[in-house]
Amino acid sequence: MLFLILILSLGLNSGCVAAAVNSSTTQNSTNFIIGYYINPNVTPISEIDFNALKKAGITDIYVLVTNNDYLTVLSQAKKKAKAVGIRTNAWVYPGFSHASKVAQMKIGVQLDVETYIMPAYLLQILGMRLSTYGVPFSVTVKPDGWDGAQYYYLIAPLCDYIVPQLYAGEYNQGTTGLTNRVKYYNQIYNFFNFIFPKKIVAGLETYQSDKNTTPKNASTITAEIKAVKPYTHGVILFRYGLSNFNGLE
């Protein structure tokens, strides 16, 4: 199966499929992404001040949706986000079956694959890539090295960018550990950076840890963003509603 995935992934970067990847990458390649994960079950879209998000420098939102609520939630989110110049992405888990319909809405898709058996999900990742023609498609994963082997070299050809969950509090890592990990990714995937530019967008935690959900202060978040910025194409903050981020200091 891995051989088949590699052959198909090479095909993704040629011909008509390459046009889809290139068109979806273009809108994300000209600036540093500063995104927010949003769980509308915790923080309804109607309660979010999108003007404040824009003022804080947010470029993208990643909105958690399911097969049952994606149409209503994403339609509302996109309307509000587009009005202030913020891009909308659907944040989904394996089993989501409406990626093509989301793409038709001109909304990006991020597949959240938190697993220790990444090769088992490659066909699903490939299928979602093919279904998201013309919009950004990304994959969020556990941090390779901090949390097992995540096979980024197999994922990279199948998406526009990979989002390692570099949650320092969960892995007892400070800013130095965070910086070193991202430098490592940048070195390892230099080949992909040449062929598939700007592959790594860092997922950063805005609160202390799952055991202590006290939001980090703004200066700590800024320090983490600045630590990874030289080595990544952006950051996505987890999550809105548990955050003191109001823009880079």
Protein backbone atom coordinates (compact mmCIF):
# COMPACT_ATOMS: atom_id res chain seq x y z
CA MET A 1 0.00 0.00 0.00
CA LEU A 2 2.85 2.41 0.81
CA PHE A 3 4.25 1.95 -2.69
CA LEU A 4 0.85 2.77 -4.17
CA ILE A 5 0.60 5.90 -2.01
CA LEU A 6 4.02 7.08 -3.14
CA ILE A 7 3.14 6.58 -6.81
CA LEU A 8 -0.16 8.38 -6.38
CA SER A 9 1.46 11.19 -4.42
CA LEU A 10 3.89 11.80 -7.26
CA GLY A 11 0.90 12.04 -9.54
CA LEU A 12 -0.56 14.70 -7.28
CA ASN A 13 2.26 16.98 -8.26
CA SER A 14 1.89 16.68 -12.02
CA GLY A 15 -0.81 17.37 -14.56
CA CYS A 16 -4.25 18.60 -13.60
CA VAL A 17 -3.99 17.55 -9.97
CA ALA A 18 -0.85 19.65 -9.56
CA ALA A 19 -2.88 22.64 -10.71
CA ALA A 20 -5.24 22.04 -7.80
CA VAL A 21 -2.40 21.86 -5.32
CA ASN A 22 -0.70 24.93 -6.75
CA SER A 23 -3.89 26.99 -6.81
CA SER A 24 -4.70 26.12 -3.21
CA THR A 25 -1.15 26.76 -2.05
CA THR A 26 -0.91 30.16 -3.71
CA GLN A 27 -3.34 31.87 -1.38
CA ASN A 28 -1.35 30.64 1.62
CA SER A 29 2.19 31.16 0.31
CA THR A 30 2.44 34.93 0.35
CA ASN A 31 2.14 35.54 4.09
CA PHE A 32 2.73 33.97 7.49
CA ILE A 33 -0.41 32.20 8.68
CA ILE A 34 -1.69 33.08 12.15
CA GLY A 35 -4.69 30.87 12.69
CA TYR A 36 -7.12 30.02 15.46
CA TYR A 37 -8.83 26.73 16.16
CA ILE A 38 -12.47 27.34 17.03
CA ASN A 39 -14.83 24.82 18.61
CA PRO A 40 -18.34 26.24 17.99
CA ASN A 41 -19.79 23.82 20.53
CA VAL A 42 -17.84 25.71 23.19
CA THR A 43 -17.74 29.17 21.64
CA PRO A 44 -20.63 29.76 19.20
CA ILE A 45 -19.68 31.62 16.03
CA SER A 46 -22.25 34.30 16.89
CA GLU A 47 -20.30 35.19 20.04
CA ILE A 48 -16.96 35.77 18.29
CA ASP A 49 -15.75 39.29 17.54
CA PHE A 50 -14.23 38.85 14.10
CA ASN A 51 -13.09 42.45 13.95
CA ALA A 52 -11.00 41.78 17.06
CA LEU A 53 -9.53 38.67 15.43
CA LYS A 54 -8.54 40.67 12.38
CA LYS A 55 -7.01 43.40 14.55
CA ALA A 56 -4.95 40.72 16.34
CA GLY A 57 -3.50 39.62 13.02
CA ILE A 58 -5.49 36.41 12.57
CA THR A 59 -5.42 35.30 8.92
CA ASP A 60 -7.27 31.98 9.15
CA ILE A 61 -9.81 30.20 11.32
CA TYR A 62 -10.15 26.43 11.61
CA VAL A 63 -13.68 25.60 12.66
CA LEU A 64 -14.56 22.20 14.10
CA VAL A 65 -17.43 20.61 12.17
CA THR A 66 -19.04 17.20 11.73
CA ASN A 67 -21.02 15.46 9.00
CA ASN A 68 -24.19 16.72 10.67
CA ASP A 69 -23.48 20.42 11.17
CA TYR A 70 -20.81 21.45 8.64
CA LEU A 71 -23.11 23.29 6.25
CA THR A 72 -24.75 25.54 8.84
CA VAL A 73 -21.62 26.21 10.89
CA LEU A 74 -19.29 26.86 7.97
CA SER A 75 -21.75 29.08 6.13
CA GLN A 76 -22.08 31.28 9.21
CA ALA A 77 -18.36 31.29 9.93
CA LYS A 78 -17.33 32.10 6.36
CA LYS A 79 -19.77 35.00 6.10
CA LYS A 80 -18.39 36.64 9.22
CA ALA A 81 -14.76 35.84 8.49
CA LYS A 82 -14.86 36.94 4.86
CA ALA A 83 -16.37 40.29 5.87
CA VAL A 84 -13.12 41.17 7.68
CA GLY A 85 -10.69 39.41 5.34
CA ILE A 86 -10.07 36.18 7.27
CA ARG A 87 -9.94 32.80 5.52
CA THR A 88 -12.14 29.92 6.72
CA ASN A 89 -11.11 26.28 7.03
CA ALA A 90 -13.09 23.26 8.18
CA TRP A 91 -11.40 21.34 10.99
CA VAL A 92 -12.51 17.71 10.66
CA TYR A 93 -11.66 14.25 11.90
CA PRO A 94 -11.32 10.95 10.01
CA GLY A 95 -14.69 9.78 8.78
CA PHE A 96 -15.79 13.22 7.60
CA SER A 97 -17.49 12.58 4.27
CA HIS A 98 -18.30 16.03 2.88
CA ALA A 99 -14.85 17.38 2.00
CA SER A 100 -15.79 17.90 -1.64
CA LYS A 101 -18.87 19.91 -0.66
CA VAL A 102 -16.75 22.05 1.67
CA ALA A 103 -14.32 22.66 -1.20
CA GLN A 104 -17.23 23.75 -3.38
CA MET A 105 -17.96 26.37 -0.71
CA LYS A 106 -14.39 27.67 -1.30
CA ILE A 107 -13.44 26.71 2.24
CA GLY A 108 -10.22 24.93 3.14
CA VAL A 109 -10.12 21.59 4.93
CA GLN A 110 -7.86 20.43 7.74
CA LEU A 111 -7.91 16.75 8.66
CA ASP A 112 -6.99 16.04 12.27
CA VAL A 113 -5.18 12.69 12.40
CA GLU A 114 -3.89 12.01 15.94
CA THR A 115 -2.57 8.49 15.69
CA TYR A 116 0.42 6.21 16.15
CA ILE A 117 -0.42 4.27 12.98
CA MET A 118 -0.24 7.02 10.37
CA PRO A 119 0.30 4.68 7.38
CA ALA A 120 -3.18 3.26 8.01
CA TYR A 121 -4.65 6.70 7.24
CA LEU A 122 -2.72 7.50 4.07
CA LEU A 123 -5.45 6.39 1.67
CA GLN A 124 -7.99 8.51 3.56
CA ILE A 125 -5.63 11.49 3.44
CA LEU A 126 -5.11 10.96 -0.27
CA GLY A 127 -8.85 10.68 -0.86
CA MET A 128 -9.51 13.93 0.98
CA ARG A 129 -6.74 15.66 -0.97
CA LEU A 130 -8.40 14.63 -4.22
CA SER A 131 -11.79 15.79 -2.90
CA THR A 132 -10.53 19.27 -1.99
CA TYR A 133 -9.58 20.38 -5.48
CA GLY A 134 -8.69 24.07 -5.57
CA VAL A 135 -8.72 24.86 -1.81
CA PRO A 136 -6.07 24.47 0.90
CA PHE A 137 -5.86 21.00 2.40
CA SER A 138 -3.78 20.44 5.53
CA VAL A 139 -3.20 17.63 8.02
CA THR A 140 -2.70 18.13 11.74
CA VAL A 141 -0.71 15.43 13.49
CA LYS A 142 1.24 14.54 16.60
CA PRO A 143 4.75 16.03 16.76
CA ASP A 144 7.21 13.66 15.14
CA GLY A 145 9.96 12.78 17.60
CA TRP A 146 8.13 14.11 20.65
CA ASP A 147 5.35 11.57 20.20
CA GLY A 148 6.44 8.68 18.04
CA ALA A 149 7.14 8.36 14.33
CA GLN A 150 4.54 10.25 12.32
CA TYR A 151 5.78 9.61 8.75
CA TYR A 152 5.75 13.23 7.66
CA TYR A 153 7.69 12.30 4.53
CA LEU A 154 4.68 10.29 3.38
CA ILE A 155 2.14 12.96 4.33
CA ALA A 156 3.96 15.94 2.83
CA PRO A 157 3.22 15.17 -0.84
CA LEU A 158 -0.46 14.67 -0.02
CA CYS A 159 -1.26 18.07 1.49
CA ASP A 160 -0.50 21.76 1.28
CA TYR A 161 0.93 21.86 4.79
CA ILE A 162 1.45 19.70 7.88
CA VAL A 163 0.52 20.99 11.34
CA PRO A 164 2.53 19.31 14.12
CA GLN A 165 0.83 19.81 17.48
CA LEU A 166 3.81 21.42 19.19
CA TYR A 167 2.01 21.80 22.49
CA ALA A 168 4.92 22.59 24.80
CA GLY A 169 2.91 22.05 27.99
CA GLU A 170 1.82 18.54 27.02
CA TYR A 171 5.39 17.42 26.28
CA ASN A 172 7.15 19.35 29.06
CA GLN A 173 9.03 21.43 26.51
CA GLY A 174 9.98 25.06 26.92
CA THR A 175 10.60 27.61 24.19
CA THR A 176 14.09 26.19 23.54
CA GLY A 177 12.75 22.67 23.03
CA LEU A 178 10.07 24.07 20.77
CA THR A 179 12.62 25.95 18.66
CA ASN A 180 14.91 22.93 18.35
CA ARG A 181 12.06 20.67 17.25
CA VAL A 182 10.94 23.03 14.50
CA LYS A 183 14.55 23.54 13.34
CA TYR A 184 14.76 19.77 13.05
CA TYR A 185 11.63 19.64 10.90
CA ASN A 186 12.99 22.41 8.72
CA GLN A 187 16.21 20.47 8.13
CA ILE A 188 14.62 17.09 7.57
CA TYR A 189 12.05 18.43 5.14
CA ASN A 190 14.35 20.77 3.25
CA PHE A 191 13.88 18.49 0.25
CA PHE A 192 10.13 18.96 0.49
CA ASN A 193 10.62 22.68 1.08
CA PHE A 194 12.37 22.76 -2.30
CA ILE A 195 9.73 20.79 -4.19
CA PHE A 196 6.70 21.63 -2.01
CA PRO A 197 7.49 25.02 -0.42
CA LYS A 198 6.52 25.94 3.12
CA LYS A 199 5.21 22.64 4.42
CA ILE A 200 5.25 23.14 8.19
CA VAL A 201 2.70 25.25 10.11
CA ALA A 202 3.11 24.89 13.88
CA GLY A 203 0.16 24.13 16.14
CA LEU A 204 0.69 25.98 19.44
CA GLU A 205 -1.22 25.66 22.71
CA THR A 206 -2.61 28.87 24.24
CA TYR A 207 -3.08 27.43 27.74
CA GLN A 208 -0.70 25.67 30.12
CA SER A 209 -1.68 22.05 29.42
CA ASP A 210 -4.66 19.71 29.43
CA LYS A 211 -4.08 19.30 33.17
CA ASN A 212 -4.02 23.06 33.72
CA THR A 213 -6.19 25.03 31.31
CA THR A 214 -5.13 28.42 32.64
CA PRO A 215 -4.41 30.56 29.56
CA LYS A 216 -0.79 31.50 29.00
CA ASN A 217 -0.03 35.19 29.18
CA ALA A 218 0.23 37.08 25.92
CA SER A 219 4.01 37.46 26.13
CA THR A 220 4.50 33.69 26.41
CA ILE A 221 2.38 33.05 23.32
CA THR A 222 4.27 35.74 21.44
CA ALA A 223 7.59 34.17 22.48
CA GLU A 224 6.49 30.76 21.18
CA ILE A 225 5.33 32.24 17.87
CA LYS A 226 8.60 34.10 17.42
CA ALA A 227 10.53 30.94 18.29
CA VAL A 228 8.98 28.93 15.46
CA LYS A 229 8.45 31.72 12.93
CA PRO A 230 11.85 31.49 11.18
CA TYR A 231 11.30 27.79 10.46
CA THR A 232 7.61 27.59 9.58
CA HIS A 233 4.96 28.93 7.24
CA GLY A 234 2.72 29.91 10.13
CA VAL A 235 1.12 28.98 13.43
CA ILE A 236 -2.36 27.86 14.47
CA LEU A 237 -3.36 28.59 18.05
CA PHE A 238 -5.34 26.07 20.07
CA ARG A 239 -7.73 27.43 20.92
CA TYR A 240 -10.05 30.43 20.78
CA GLY A 241 -11.84 30.89 24.12
CA LEU A 242 -8.81 29.74 26.13
CA SER A 243 -6.40 32.39 24.96
CA ASN A 244 -4.95 35.76 25.88
CA PHE A 245 -3.48 36.34 22.43
CA ASN A 246 -4.27 39.79 21.12
CA GLY A 247 -1.59 40.08 18.46
CA LEU A 248 2.18 39.81 18.33
CA GLU A 249 3.89 42.04 20.85
